[in-house]
N, C-alpha and C. Protein backbone atom coordinates (compact mmCIF):
# COMPACT_ATOMS: atom_id res chain seq x y z
N UNK A 1 0.83 -1.18 0.00
CA UNK A 1 0.00 0.00 0.00
C UNK A 1 0.88 1.24 0.00
N UNK A 2 0.35 2.28 -0.58
CA UNK A 2 1.03 3.56 -0.62
C UNK A 2 0.11 4.60 0.02
N UNK A 3 0.68 5.45 0.87
CA UNK A 3 -0.05 6.58 1.43
C UNK A 3 0.42 7.82 0.69
N UNK A 4 -0.54 8.59 0.21
CA UNK A 4 -0.24 9.83 -0.49
C UNK A 4 -0.90 10.97 0.28
N UNK A 5 -0.13 12.00 0.55
CA UNK A 5 -0.67 13.21 1.16
C UNK A 5 -0.57 14.33 0.14
N UNK A 6 -1.74 14.78 -0.34
CA UNK A 6 -1.83 15.90 -1.28
C UNK A 6 -2.16 17.16 -0.49
N UNK A 7 -1.40 18.21 -0.70
CA UNK A 7 -1.65 19.48 -0.01
C UNK A 7 -1.71 20.60 -1.03
N UNK A 8 -2.58 21.56 -0.78
CA UNK A 8 -2.71 22.71 -1.67
C UNK A 8 -1.84 23.84 -1.10
N UNK A 9 -0.94 24.36 -1.91
CA UNK A 9 -0.10 25.49 -1.52
C UNK A 9 1.18 25.07 -0.84
N UNK A 10 2.07 26.04 -0.73
CA UNK A 10 3.37 25.80 -0.10
C UNK A 10 3.37 26.31 1.33
N UNK A 11 4.30 25.80 2.11
CA UNK A 11 4.51 26.28 3.47
C UNK A 11 5.59 27.34 3.43
N UNK A 12 5.25 28.54 3.90
CA UNK A 12 6.25 29.60 3.91
C UNK A 12 6.99 29.69 5.24
N UNK A 13 6.60 28.87 6.21
CA UNK A 13 7.27 28.85 7.50
C UNK A 13 8.34 27.76 7.47
N UNK A 14 9.59 28.17 7.46
CA UNK A 14 10.70 27.22 7.32
C UNK A 14 10.80 26.23 8.49
N UNK A 15 10.46 26.69 9.68
CA UNK A 15 10.52 25.80 10.85
C UNK A 15 9.48 24.69 10.72
N UNK A 16 8.25 25.04 10.36
CA UNK A 16 7.21 24.02 10.16
C UNK A 16 7.57 23.07 9.03
N UNK A 17 8.11 23.62 7.96
CA UNK A 17 8.50 22.81 6.81
C UNK A 17 9.58 21.80 7.21
N UNK A 18 10.54 22.23 8.00
CA UNK A 18 11.62 21.34 8.44
C UNK A 18 11.08 20.20 9.31
N UNK A 19 10.18 20.53 10.22
CA UNK A 19 9.60 19.50 11.08
C UNK A 19 8.75 18.52 10.27
N UNK A 20 7.98 19.05 9.33
CA UNK A 20 7.16 18.19 8.48
C UNK A 20 8.02 17.25 7.66
N UNK A 21 9.10 17.77 7.09
CA UNK A 21 10.03 16.93 6.31
C UNK A 21 10.61 15.81 7.16
N UNK A 22 10.89 16.11 8.42
CA UNK A 22 11.43 15.11 9.32
C UNK A 22 10.47 13.93 9.46
N UNK A 23 9.20 14.22 9.67
CA UNK A 23 8.21 13.13 9.80
C UNK A 23 7.98 12.42 8.47
N UNK A 24 8.03 13.16 7.38
CA UNK A 24 7.86 12.51 6.07
C UNK A 24 8.95 11.48 5.85
N UNK A 25 10.17 11.81 6.21
CA UNK A 25 11.28 10.86 6.06
C UNK A 25 11.12 9.67 7.00
N UNK A 26 10.65 9.91 8.22
CA UNK A 26 10.44 8.81 9.16
C UNK A 26 9.39 7.83 8.66
N UNK A 27 8.31 8.37 8.09
CA UNK A 27 7.22 7.52 7.59
C UNK A 27 7.72 6.55 6.53
N UNK A 28 8.65 7.01 5.71
CA UNK A 28 9.16 6.18 4.60
C UNK A 28 9.88 4.93 5.08
N UNK A 29 10.26 4.87 6.35
CA UNK A 29 10.87 3.66 6.90
C UNK A 29 9.85 2.55 7.10
N UNK A 30 8.56 2.91 7.12
CA UNK A 30 7.50 1.95 7.38
C UNK A 30 6.68 1.59 6.15
N UNK A 31 6.45 2.58 5.29
CA UNK A 31 5.48 2.39 4.22
C UNK A 31 5.85 3.31 3.05
N UNK A 32 5.41 2.93 1.87
CA UNK A 32 5.59 3.78 0.70
C UNK A 32 4.75 5.04 0.91
N UNK A 33 5.40 6.19 0.90
CA UNK A 33 4.73 7.45 1.23
C UNK A 33 5.14 8.52 0.23
N UNK A 34 4.15 9.25 -0.24
CA UNK A 34 4.42 10.34 -1.19
C UNK A 34 3.72 11.60 -0.71
N UNK A 35 4.43 12.70 -0.76
CA UNK A 35 3.92 14.01 -0.36
C UNK A 35 3.90 14.88 -1.60
N UNK A 36 2.73 15.38 -1.96
CA UNK A 36 2.61 16.17 -3.18
C UNK A 36 2.03 17.54 -2.84
N UNK A 37 2.78 18.58 -3.18
CA UNK A 37 2.29 19.95 -3.02
C UNK A 37 1.73 20.43 -4.35
N UNK A 38 0.49 20.84 -4.32
CA UNK A 38 -0.16 21.38 -5.51
C UNK A 38 -0.11 22.90 -5.39
N UNK A 39 0.33 23.60 -6.42
CA UNK A 39 0.44 25.06 -6.32
C UNK A 39 -0.90 25.71 -5.96
N UNK A 40 -0.81 26.77 -5.18
CA UNK A 40 -1.99 27.57 -4.84
C UNK A 40 -2.65 28.08 -6.10
N UNK A 41 -3.96 28.15 -6.06
CA UNK A 41 -4.70 28.83 -7.13
C UNK A 41 -4.52 30.32 -6.89
N UNK A 42 -4.15 31.08 -7.91
CA UNK A 42 -3.99 32.52 -7.70
C UNK A 42 -5.28 33.12 -7.13
N UNK A 43 -5.15 33.95 -6.13
CA UNK A 43 -6.30 34.56 -5.47
C UNK A 43 -6.64 35.89 -6.14
N UNK A 44 -7.56 35.84 -7.05
CA UNK A 44 -8.01 37.05 -7.73
C UNK A 44 -9.27 37.55 -7.06
N UNK A 45 -9.38 38.84 -6.93
CA UNK A 45 -10.56 39.42 -6.29
C UNK A 45 -11.84 39.11 -7.06
N UNK A 46 -11.72 38.95 -8.35
CA UNK A 46 -12.90 38.73 -9.19
C UNK A 46 -13.35 37.28 -9.24
N UNK A 47 -12.56 36.36 -8.67
CA UNK A 47 -12.92 34.94 -8.69
C UNK A 47 -13.60 34.61 -7.36
N UNK A 48 -14.74 33.97 -7.44
CA UNK A 48 -15.48 33.61 -6.23
C UNK A 48 -14.78 32.47 -5.49
N UNK A 49 -15.16 32.29 -4.23
CA UNK A 49 -14.62 31.18 -3.44
C UNK A 49 -14.97 29.85 -4.11
N UNK A 50 -16.19 29.74 -4.63
CA UNK A 50 -16.60 28.50 -5.30
C UNK A 50 -15.73 28.20 -6.52
N UNK A 51 -15.42 29.23 -7.29
CA UNK A 51 -14.56 29.05 -8.47
C UNK A 51 -13.16 28.63 -8.04
N UNK A 52 -12.64 29.24 -6.96
CA UNK A 52 -11.31 28.86 -6.47
C UNK A 52 -11.30 27.41 -6.00
N UNK A 53 -12.37 26.99 -5.30
CA UNK A 53 -12.45 25.60 -4.86
C UNK A 53 -12.51 24.66 -6.05
N UNK A 54 -13.24 25.06 -7.09
CA UNK A 54 -13.33 24.23 -8.29
C UNK A 54 -11.98 24.11 -8.99
N UNK A 55 -11.23 25.21 -9.06
CA UNK A 55 -9.90 25.18 -9.69
C UNK A 55 -8.95 24.29 -8.88
N UNK A 56 -9.03 24.36 -7.55
CA UNK A 56 -8.20 23.50 -6.71
C UNK A 56 -8.60 22.03 -6.91
N UNK A 57 -9.90 21.77 -7.01
CA UNK A 57 -10.38 20.40 -7.21
C UNK A 57 -9.82 19.82 -8.51
N UNK A 58 -9.83 20.61 -9.56
CA UNK A 58 -9.29 20.15 -10.84
C UNK A 58 -7.81 19.78 -10.71
N UNK A 59 -7.06 20.59 -9.99
CA UNK A 59 -5.63 20.31 -9.78
C UNK A 59 -5.44 19.05 -8.94
N UNK A 60 -6.25 18.89 -7.90
CA UNK A 60 -6.16 17.70 -7.05
C UNK A 60 -6.49 16.45 -7.85
N UNK A 61 -7.56 16.49 -8.62
CA UNK A 61 -7.98 15.32 -9.40
C UNK A 61 -6.91 14.87 -10.39
N UNK A 62 -6.13 15.80 -10.91
CA UNK A 62 -5.05 15.46 -11.85
C UNK A 62 -3.96 14.63 -11.18
N UNK A 63 -3.84 14.75 -9.86
CA UNK A 63 -2.78 14.05 -9.14
C UNK A 63 -3.24 12.74 -8.51
N UNK A 64 -4.50 12.40 -8.65
CA UNK A 64 -4.98 11.14 -8.09
C UNK A 64 -4.53 9.97 -8.96
N UNK A 65 -4.05 8.90 -8.35
CA UNK A 65 -3.69 7.71 -9.14
C UNK A 65 -4.96 7.03 -9.67
N UNK A 66 -4.78 6.05 -10.53
CA UNK A 66 -5.94 5.37 -11.13
C UNK A 66 -6.79 4.67 -10.08
N UNK A 67 -6.15 4.06 -9.13
CA UNK A 67 -6.87 3.36 -8.06
C UNK A 67 -6.58 4.09 -6.75
N UNK A 68 -7.63 4.50 -6.06
CA UNK A 68 -7.39 5.26 -4.82
C UNK A 68 -8.57 5.13 -3.87
N UNK A 69 -8.26 5.36 -2.60
CA UNK A 69 -9.26 5.53 -1.55
C UNK A 69 -9.01 6.94 -1.02
N UNK A 70 -9.92 7.84 -1.29
CA UNK A 70 -9.72 9.27 -1.04
C UNK A 70 -10.36 9.70 0.28
N UNK A 71 -9.55 10.31 1.14
CA UNK A 71 -10.03 10.85 2.41
C UNK A 71 -9.66 12.33 2.47
N UNK A 72 -10.67 13.16 2.67
CA UNK A 72 -10.46 14.60 2.76
C UNK A 72 -10.31 15.01 4.22
N UNK A 73 -9.29 15.82 4.51
CA UNK A 73 -9.17 16.37 5.85
C UNK A 73 -10.13 17.55 5.92
N UNK A 74 -11.19 17.37 6.69
CA UNK A 74 -12.32 18.28 6.66
C UNK A 74 -12.83 18.47 8.08
N UNK A 75 -13.21 19.69 8.41
CA UNK A 75 -13.67 19.99 9.77
C UNK A 75 -14.91 19.19 10.18
N UNK A 76 -15.66 18.71 9.21
CA UNK A 76 -16.86 17.92 9.51
C UNK A 76 -16.59 16.41 9.43
N UNK A 77 -15.33 16.04 9.36
CA UNK A 77 -14.98 14.64 9.23
C UNK A 77 -14.98 13.90 10.56
N UNK A 78 -14.77 12.61 10.47
CA UNK A 78 -14.71 11.74 11.64
C UNK A 78 -13.43 12.00 12.41
N UNK A 79 -13.53 11.94 13.73
CA UNK A 79 -12.35 12.12 14.58
C UNK A 79 -11.96 10.78 15.18
N UNK A 80 -10.66 10.55 15.26
CA UNK A 80 -10.11 9.31 15.80
C UNK A 80 -9.12 9.63 16.91
N UNK A 81 -8.93 8.67 17.81
CA UNK A 81 -7.76 8.71 18.66
C UNK A 81 -6.59 8.23 17.80
N UNK A 82 -5.39 8.40 18.27
CA UNK A 82 -4.23 7.93 17.50
C UNK A 82 -4.27 6.42 17.31
N UNK A 83 -4.70 5.70 18.33
CA UNK A 83 -4.81 4.24 18.23
C UNK A 83 -5.87 3.85 17.20
N UNK A 84 -7.00 4.51 17.21
CA UNK A 84 -8.06 4.23 16.22
C UNK A 84 -7.58 4.55 14.81
N UNK A 85 -6.86 5.65 14.65
CA UNK A 85 -6.35 6.03 13.34
C UNK A 85 -5.36 4.98 12.84
N UNK A 86 -4.50 4.50 13.71
CA UNK A 86 -3.56 3.45 13.33
C UNK A 86 -4.31 2.21 12.85
N UNK A 87 -5.35 1.82 13.58
CA UNK A 87 -6.13 0.65 13.18
C UNK A 87 -6.84 0.89 11.86
N UNK A 88 -7.28 2.10 11.61
CA UNK A 88 -7.93 2.43 10.34
C UNK A 88 -6.94 2.26 9.17
N UNK A 89 -5.73 2.73 9.34
CA UNK A 89 -4.71 2.55 8.30
C UNK A 89 -4.41 1.06 8.11
N UNK A 90 -4.31 0.33 9.22
CA UNK A 90 -4.05 -1.11 9.13
C UNK A 90 -5.17 -1.83 8.38
N UNK A 91 -6.42 -1.40 8.57
CA UNK A 91 -7.54 -2.00 7.83
C UNK A 91 -7.33 -1.85 6.33
N UNK A 92 -6.85 -0.67 5.92
CA UNK A 92 -6.60 -0.45 4.49
C UNK A 92 -5.44 -1.31 4.00
N UNK A 93 -4.45 -1.52 4.85
CA UNK A 93 -3.34 -2.37 4.47
C UNK A 93 -3.82 -3.81 4.26
N UNK A 94 -4.65 -4.30 5.17
CA UNK A 94 -5.16 -5.67 5.08
C UNK A 94 -6.16 -5.84 3.94
N UNK A 95 -6.84 -4.74 3.59
CA UNK A 95 -7.82 -4.79 2.50
C UNK A 95 -7.15 -4.62 1.14
N UNK A 96 -5.85 -4.51 1.12
CA UNK A 96 -5.07 -4.32 -0.10
C UNK A 96 -5.42 -3.05 -0.85
N UNK A 97 -5.72 -1.99 -0.10
CA UNK A 97 -5.91 -0.68 -0.72
C UNK A 97 -4.60 -0.32 -1.40
N UNK A 98 -4.64 0.04 -2.67
CA UNK A 98 -3.41 0.37 -3.38
C UNK A 98 -2.87 1.73 -2.98
N UNK A 99 -3.74 2.74 -3.03
CA UNK A 99 -3.33 4.11 -2.74
C UNK A 99 -4.32 4.75 -1.78
N UNK A 100 -3.86 5.00 -0.57
CA UNK A 100 -4.67 5.69 0.42
C UNK A 100 -4.27 7.16 0.34
N UNK A 101 -5.19 7.99 -0.15
CA UNK A 101 -4.89 9.38 -0.45
C UNK A 101 -5.61 10.29 0.54
N UNK A 102 -4.83 11.12 1.22
CA UNK A 102 -5.37 12.14 2.12
C UNK A 102 -5.13 13.49 1.47
N UNK A 103 -6.10 14.40 1.59
CA UNK A 103 -5.97 15.71 0.96
C UNK A 103 -6.22 16.82 1.98
N UNK A 104 -5.27 17.76 2.02
CA UNK A 104 -5.44 19.01 2.78
C UNK A 104 -5.74 20.07 1.73
N UNK A 105 -6.95 20.59 1.77
CA UNK A 105 -7.39 21.54 0.76
C UNK A 105 -6.92 22.96 1.03
N UNK A 106 -7.45 23.87 0.24
CA UNK A 106 -7.14 25.28 0.38
C UNK A 106 -7.95 25.93 1.49
N UNK A 107 -7.86 27.24 1.59
CA UNK A 107 -8.48 27.96 2.71
C UNK A 107 -10.01 27.94 2.72
N UNK A 108 -10.64 27.64 1.60
CA UNK A 108 -12.10 27.65 1.54
C UNK A 108 -12.72 26.27 1.57
N UNK A 109 -11.91 25.24 1.77
CA UNK A 109 -12.44 23.89 1.79
C UNK A 109 -12.41 23.25 0.42
N UNK A 110 -13.33 22.32 0.20
CA UNK A 110 -13.33 21.53 -1.02
C UNK A 110 -14.57 21.80 -1.88
N UNK A 111 -14.41 21.63 -3.17
CA UNK A 111 -15.53 21.70 -4.10
C UNK A 111 -16.38 20.44 -3.92
N UNK A 112 -17.64 20.54 -4.25
CA UNK A 112 -18.57 19.42 -4.11
C UNK A 112 -18.09 18.20 -4.89
N UNK A 113 -17.45 18.42 -6.00
CA UNK A 113 -16.94 17.32 -6.82
C UNK A 113 -16.01 16.40 -6.03
N UNK A 114 -15.17 16.99 -5.17
CA UNK A 114 -14.27 16.17 -4.35
C UNK A 114 -15.04 15.43 -3.25
N UNK A 115 -16.01 16.10 -2.66
CA UNK A 115 -16.85 15.40 -1.67
C UNK A 115 -17.54 14.21 -2.31
N UNK A 116 -17.98 14.37 -3.55
CA UNK A 116 -18.66 13.28 -4.25
C UNK A 116 -17.72 12.11 -4.56
N UNK A 117 -16.45 12.38 -4.75
CA UNK A 117 -15.48 11.34 -5.11
C UNK A 117 -14.79 10.70 -3.90
N UNK A 118 -14.91 11.33 -2.74
CA UNK A 118 -14.17 10.82 -1.59
C UNK A 118 -14.89 9.65 -0.94
N UNK A 119 -14.10 8.82 -0.26
CA UNK A 119 -14.65 7.69 0.47
C UNK A 119 -14.73 7.99 1.97
N UNK A 120 -14.23 9.15 2.38
CA UNK A 120 -14.29 9.50 3.79
C UNK A 120 -13.77 10.90 4.05
N UNK A 121 -14.12 11.40 5.24
CA UNK A 121 -13.63 12.70 5.70
C UNK A 121 -13.05 12.50 7.09
N UNK A 122 -11.97 13.20 7.36
CA UNK A 122 -11.25 13.07 8.62
C UNK A 122 -11.03 14.46 9.20
N UNK A 123 -11.33 14.61 10.48
CA UNK A 123 -11.07 15.87 11.18
C UNK A 123 -10.02 15.60 12.25
N UNK A 124 -9.02 16.44 12.32
CA UNK A 124 -7.99 16.28 13.35
C UNK A 124 -8.42 16.89 14.67
N UNK A 125 -9.37 17.82 14.63
CA UNK A 125 -9.79 18.49 15.86
C UNK A 125 -11.04 19.31 15.58
N UNK A 126 -11.75 19.66 16.63
CA UNK A 126 -12.86 20.59 16.49
C UNK A 126 -12.34 22.02 16.35
N UNK A 127 -11.08 22.20 16.71
CA UNK A 127 -10.46 23.51 16.59
C UNK A 127 -10.00 23.73 15.15
N UNK A 128 -9.76 24.98 14.79
CA UNK A 128 -9.27 25.31 13.46
C UNK A 128 -7.77 25.57 13.54
N UNK A 129 -7.03 24.97 12.60
CA UNK A 129 -5.58 25.17 12.50
C UNK A 129 -5.26 25.67 11.10
N UNK A 130 -4.12 26.33 10.97
CA UNK A 130 -3.70 26.76 9.64
C UNK A 130 -3.38 25.54 8.79
N UNK A 131 -3.51 25.70 7.48
CA UNK A 131 -3.20 24.60 6.57
C UNK A 131 -1.73 24.20 6.68
N UNK A 132 -0.89 25.14 7.03
CA UNK A 132 0.53 24.84 7.19
C UNK A 132 0.75 23.95 8.41
N UNK A 133 0.06 24.23 9.50
CA UNK A 133 0.24 23.44 10.72
C UNK A 133 -0.39 22.05 10.57
N UNK A 134 -1.48 21.95 9.84
CA UNK A 134 -2.13 20.64 9.64
C UNK A 134 -1.15 19.66 8.99
N UNK A 135 -0.32 20.14 8.08
CA UNK A 135 0.66 19.26 7.44
C UNK A 135 1.57 18.61 8.47
N UNK A 136 2.04 19.43 9.42
CA UNK A 136 2.91 18.91 10.48
C UNK A 136 2.13 17.94 11.36
N UNK A 137 0.97 18.36 11.84
CA UNK A 137 0.19 17.52 12.74
C UNK A 137 -0.18 16.19 12.08
N UNK A 138 -0.57 16.25 10.81
CA UNK A 138 -1.02 15.03 10.15
C UNK A 138 0.14 14.10 9.82
N UNK A 139 1.26 14.63 9.36
CA UNK A 139 2.41 13.74 9.10
C UNK A 139 2.88 13.10 10.40
N UNK A 140 2.82 13.85 11.50
CA UNK A 140 3.20 13.26 12.79
C UNK A 140 2.23 12.14 13.14
N UNK A 141 0.94 12.31 12.88
CA UNK A 141 -0.04 11.28 13.20
C UNK A 141 0.12 10.04 12.31
N UNK A 142 0.52 10.23 11.08
CA UNK A 142 0.80 9.06 10.23
C UNK A 142 2.00 8.32 10.79
N UNK A 143 3.04 9.06 11.17
CA UNK A 143 4.22 8.42 11.78
C UNK A 143 3.82 7.69 13.06
N UNK A 144 3.02 8.33 13.89
CA UNK A 144 2.56 7.72 15.13
C UNK A 144 1.76 6.44 14.84
N UNK A 145 0.89 6.50 13.84
CA UNK A 145 0.10 5.32 13.46
C UNK A 145 1.02 4.17 13.05
N UNK A 146 2.06 4.48 12.31
CA UNK A 146 3.00 3.44 11.88
C UNK A 146 3.78 2.88 13.07
N UNK A 147 4.16 3.74 14.01
CA UNK A 147 4.90 3.25 15.18
C UNK A 147 4.00 2.40 16.09
N UNK A 148 2.71 2.73 16.15
CA UNK A 148 1.76 1.90 16.91
C UNK A 148 1.65 0.54 16.23
N UNK A 149 1.52 0.55 14.91
CA UNK A 149 1.42 -0.69 14.14
C UNK A 149 2.63 -1.59 14.38
N UNK A 150 3.81 -0.99 14.43
CA UNK A 150 5.05 -1.76 14.62
C UNK A 150 5.40 -1.97 16.09
N UNK A 151 4.50 -1.50 16.98
CA UNK A 151 4.70 -1.67 18.43
C UNK A 151 5.99 -1.04 18.92
N UNK A 152 6.30 0.13 18.40
CA UNK A 152 7.49 0.87 18.84
C UNK A 152 7.14 1.76 20.02
N UNK A 153 8.11 2.16 20.81
CA UNK A 153 7.82 2.92 22.03
C UNK A 153 7.52 4.41 21.82
N UNK A 154 7.24 4.85 20.61
CA UNK A 154 6.95 6.26 20.36
C UNK A 154 5.64 6.70 21.01
N UNK A 155 4.62 5.87 20.91
CA UNK A 155 3.28 6.21 21.43
C UNK A 155 3.10 5.57 22.80
N UNK A 156 2.61 6.36 23.74
CA UNK A 156 2.34 5.85 25.09
C UNK A 156 0.85 5.97 25.37
N UNK A 157 0.27 4.88 25.82
CA UNK A 157 -1.16 4.90 26.09
C UNK A 157 -1.41 4.53 27.52
């Protein structure tokens, strides 16, 4: 199985980017992992939020592999403990999911087209975080899920 994390836009905070890269490298010791940054849609005053979401959706869809299980990181998504999230990833591994794709969208959320194509939504918290911080938090949670799976001492319960 391969885990793909698609994110819209770049991180301009070098400290967050460095920490995120650290976890991305750690994850690769456990599982095939790909991190894809999709360029931001230019923010024009004359383009509506809906149009921007649609343009981002088109860019995201271009990066999806032929076979995928798509999960959107969305404030209305399901919340898991770290142990539950690890078990969820393990279920996909046992089910022979080829590509488990997680997407962090832009500032306005996702176009309806992506909601229609996704197999699930995941929320990291009821609180709101910047898209840049979500990358760090989520890559850390993937690493944590892998360490739980391998019974390593990283996670304490």
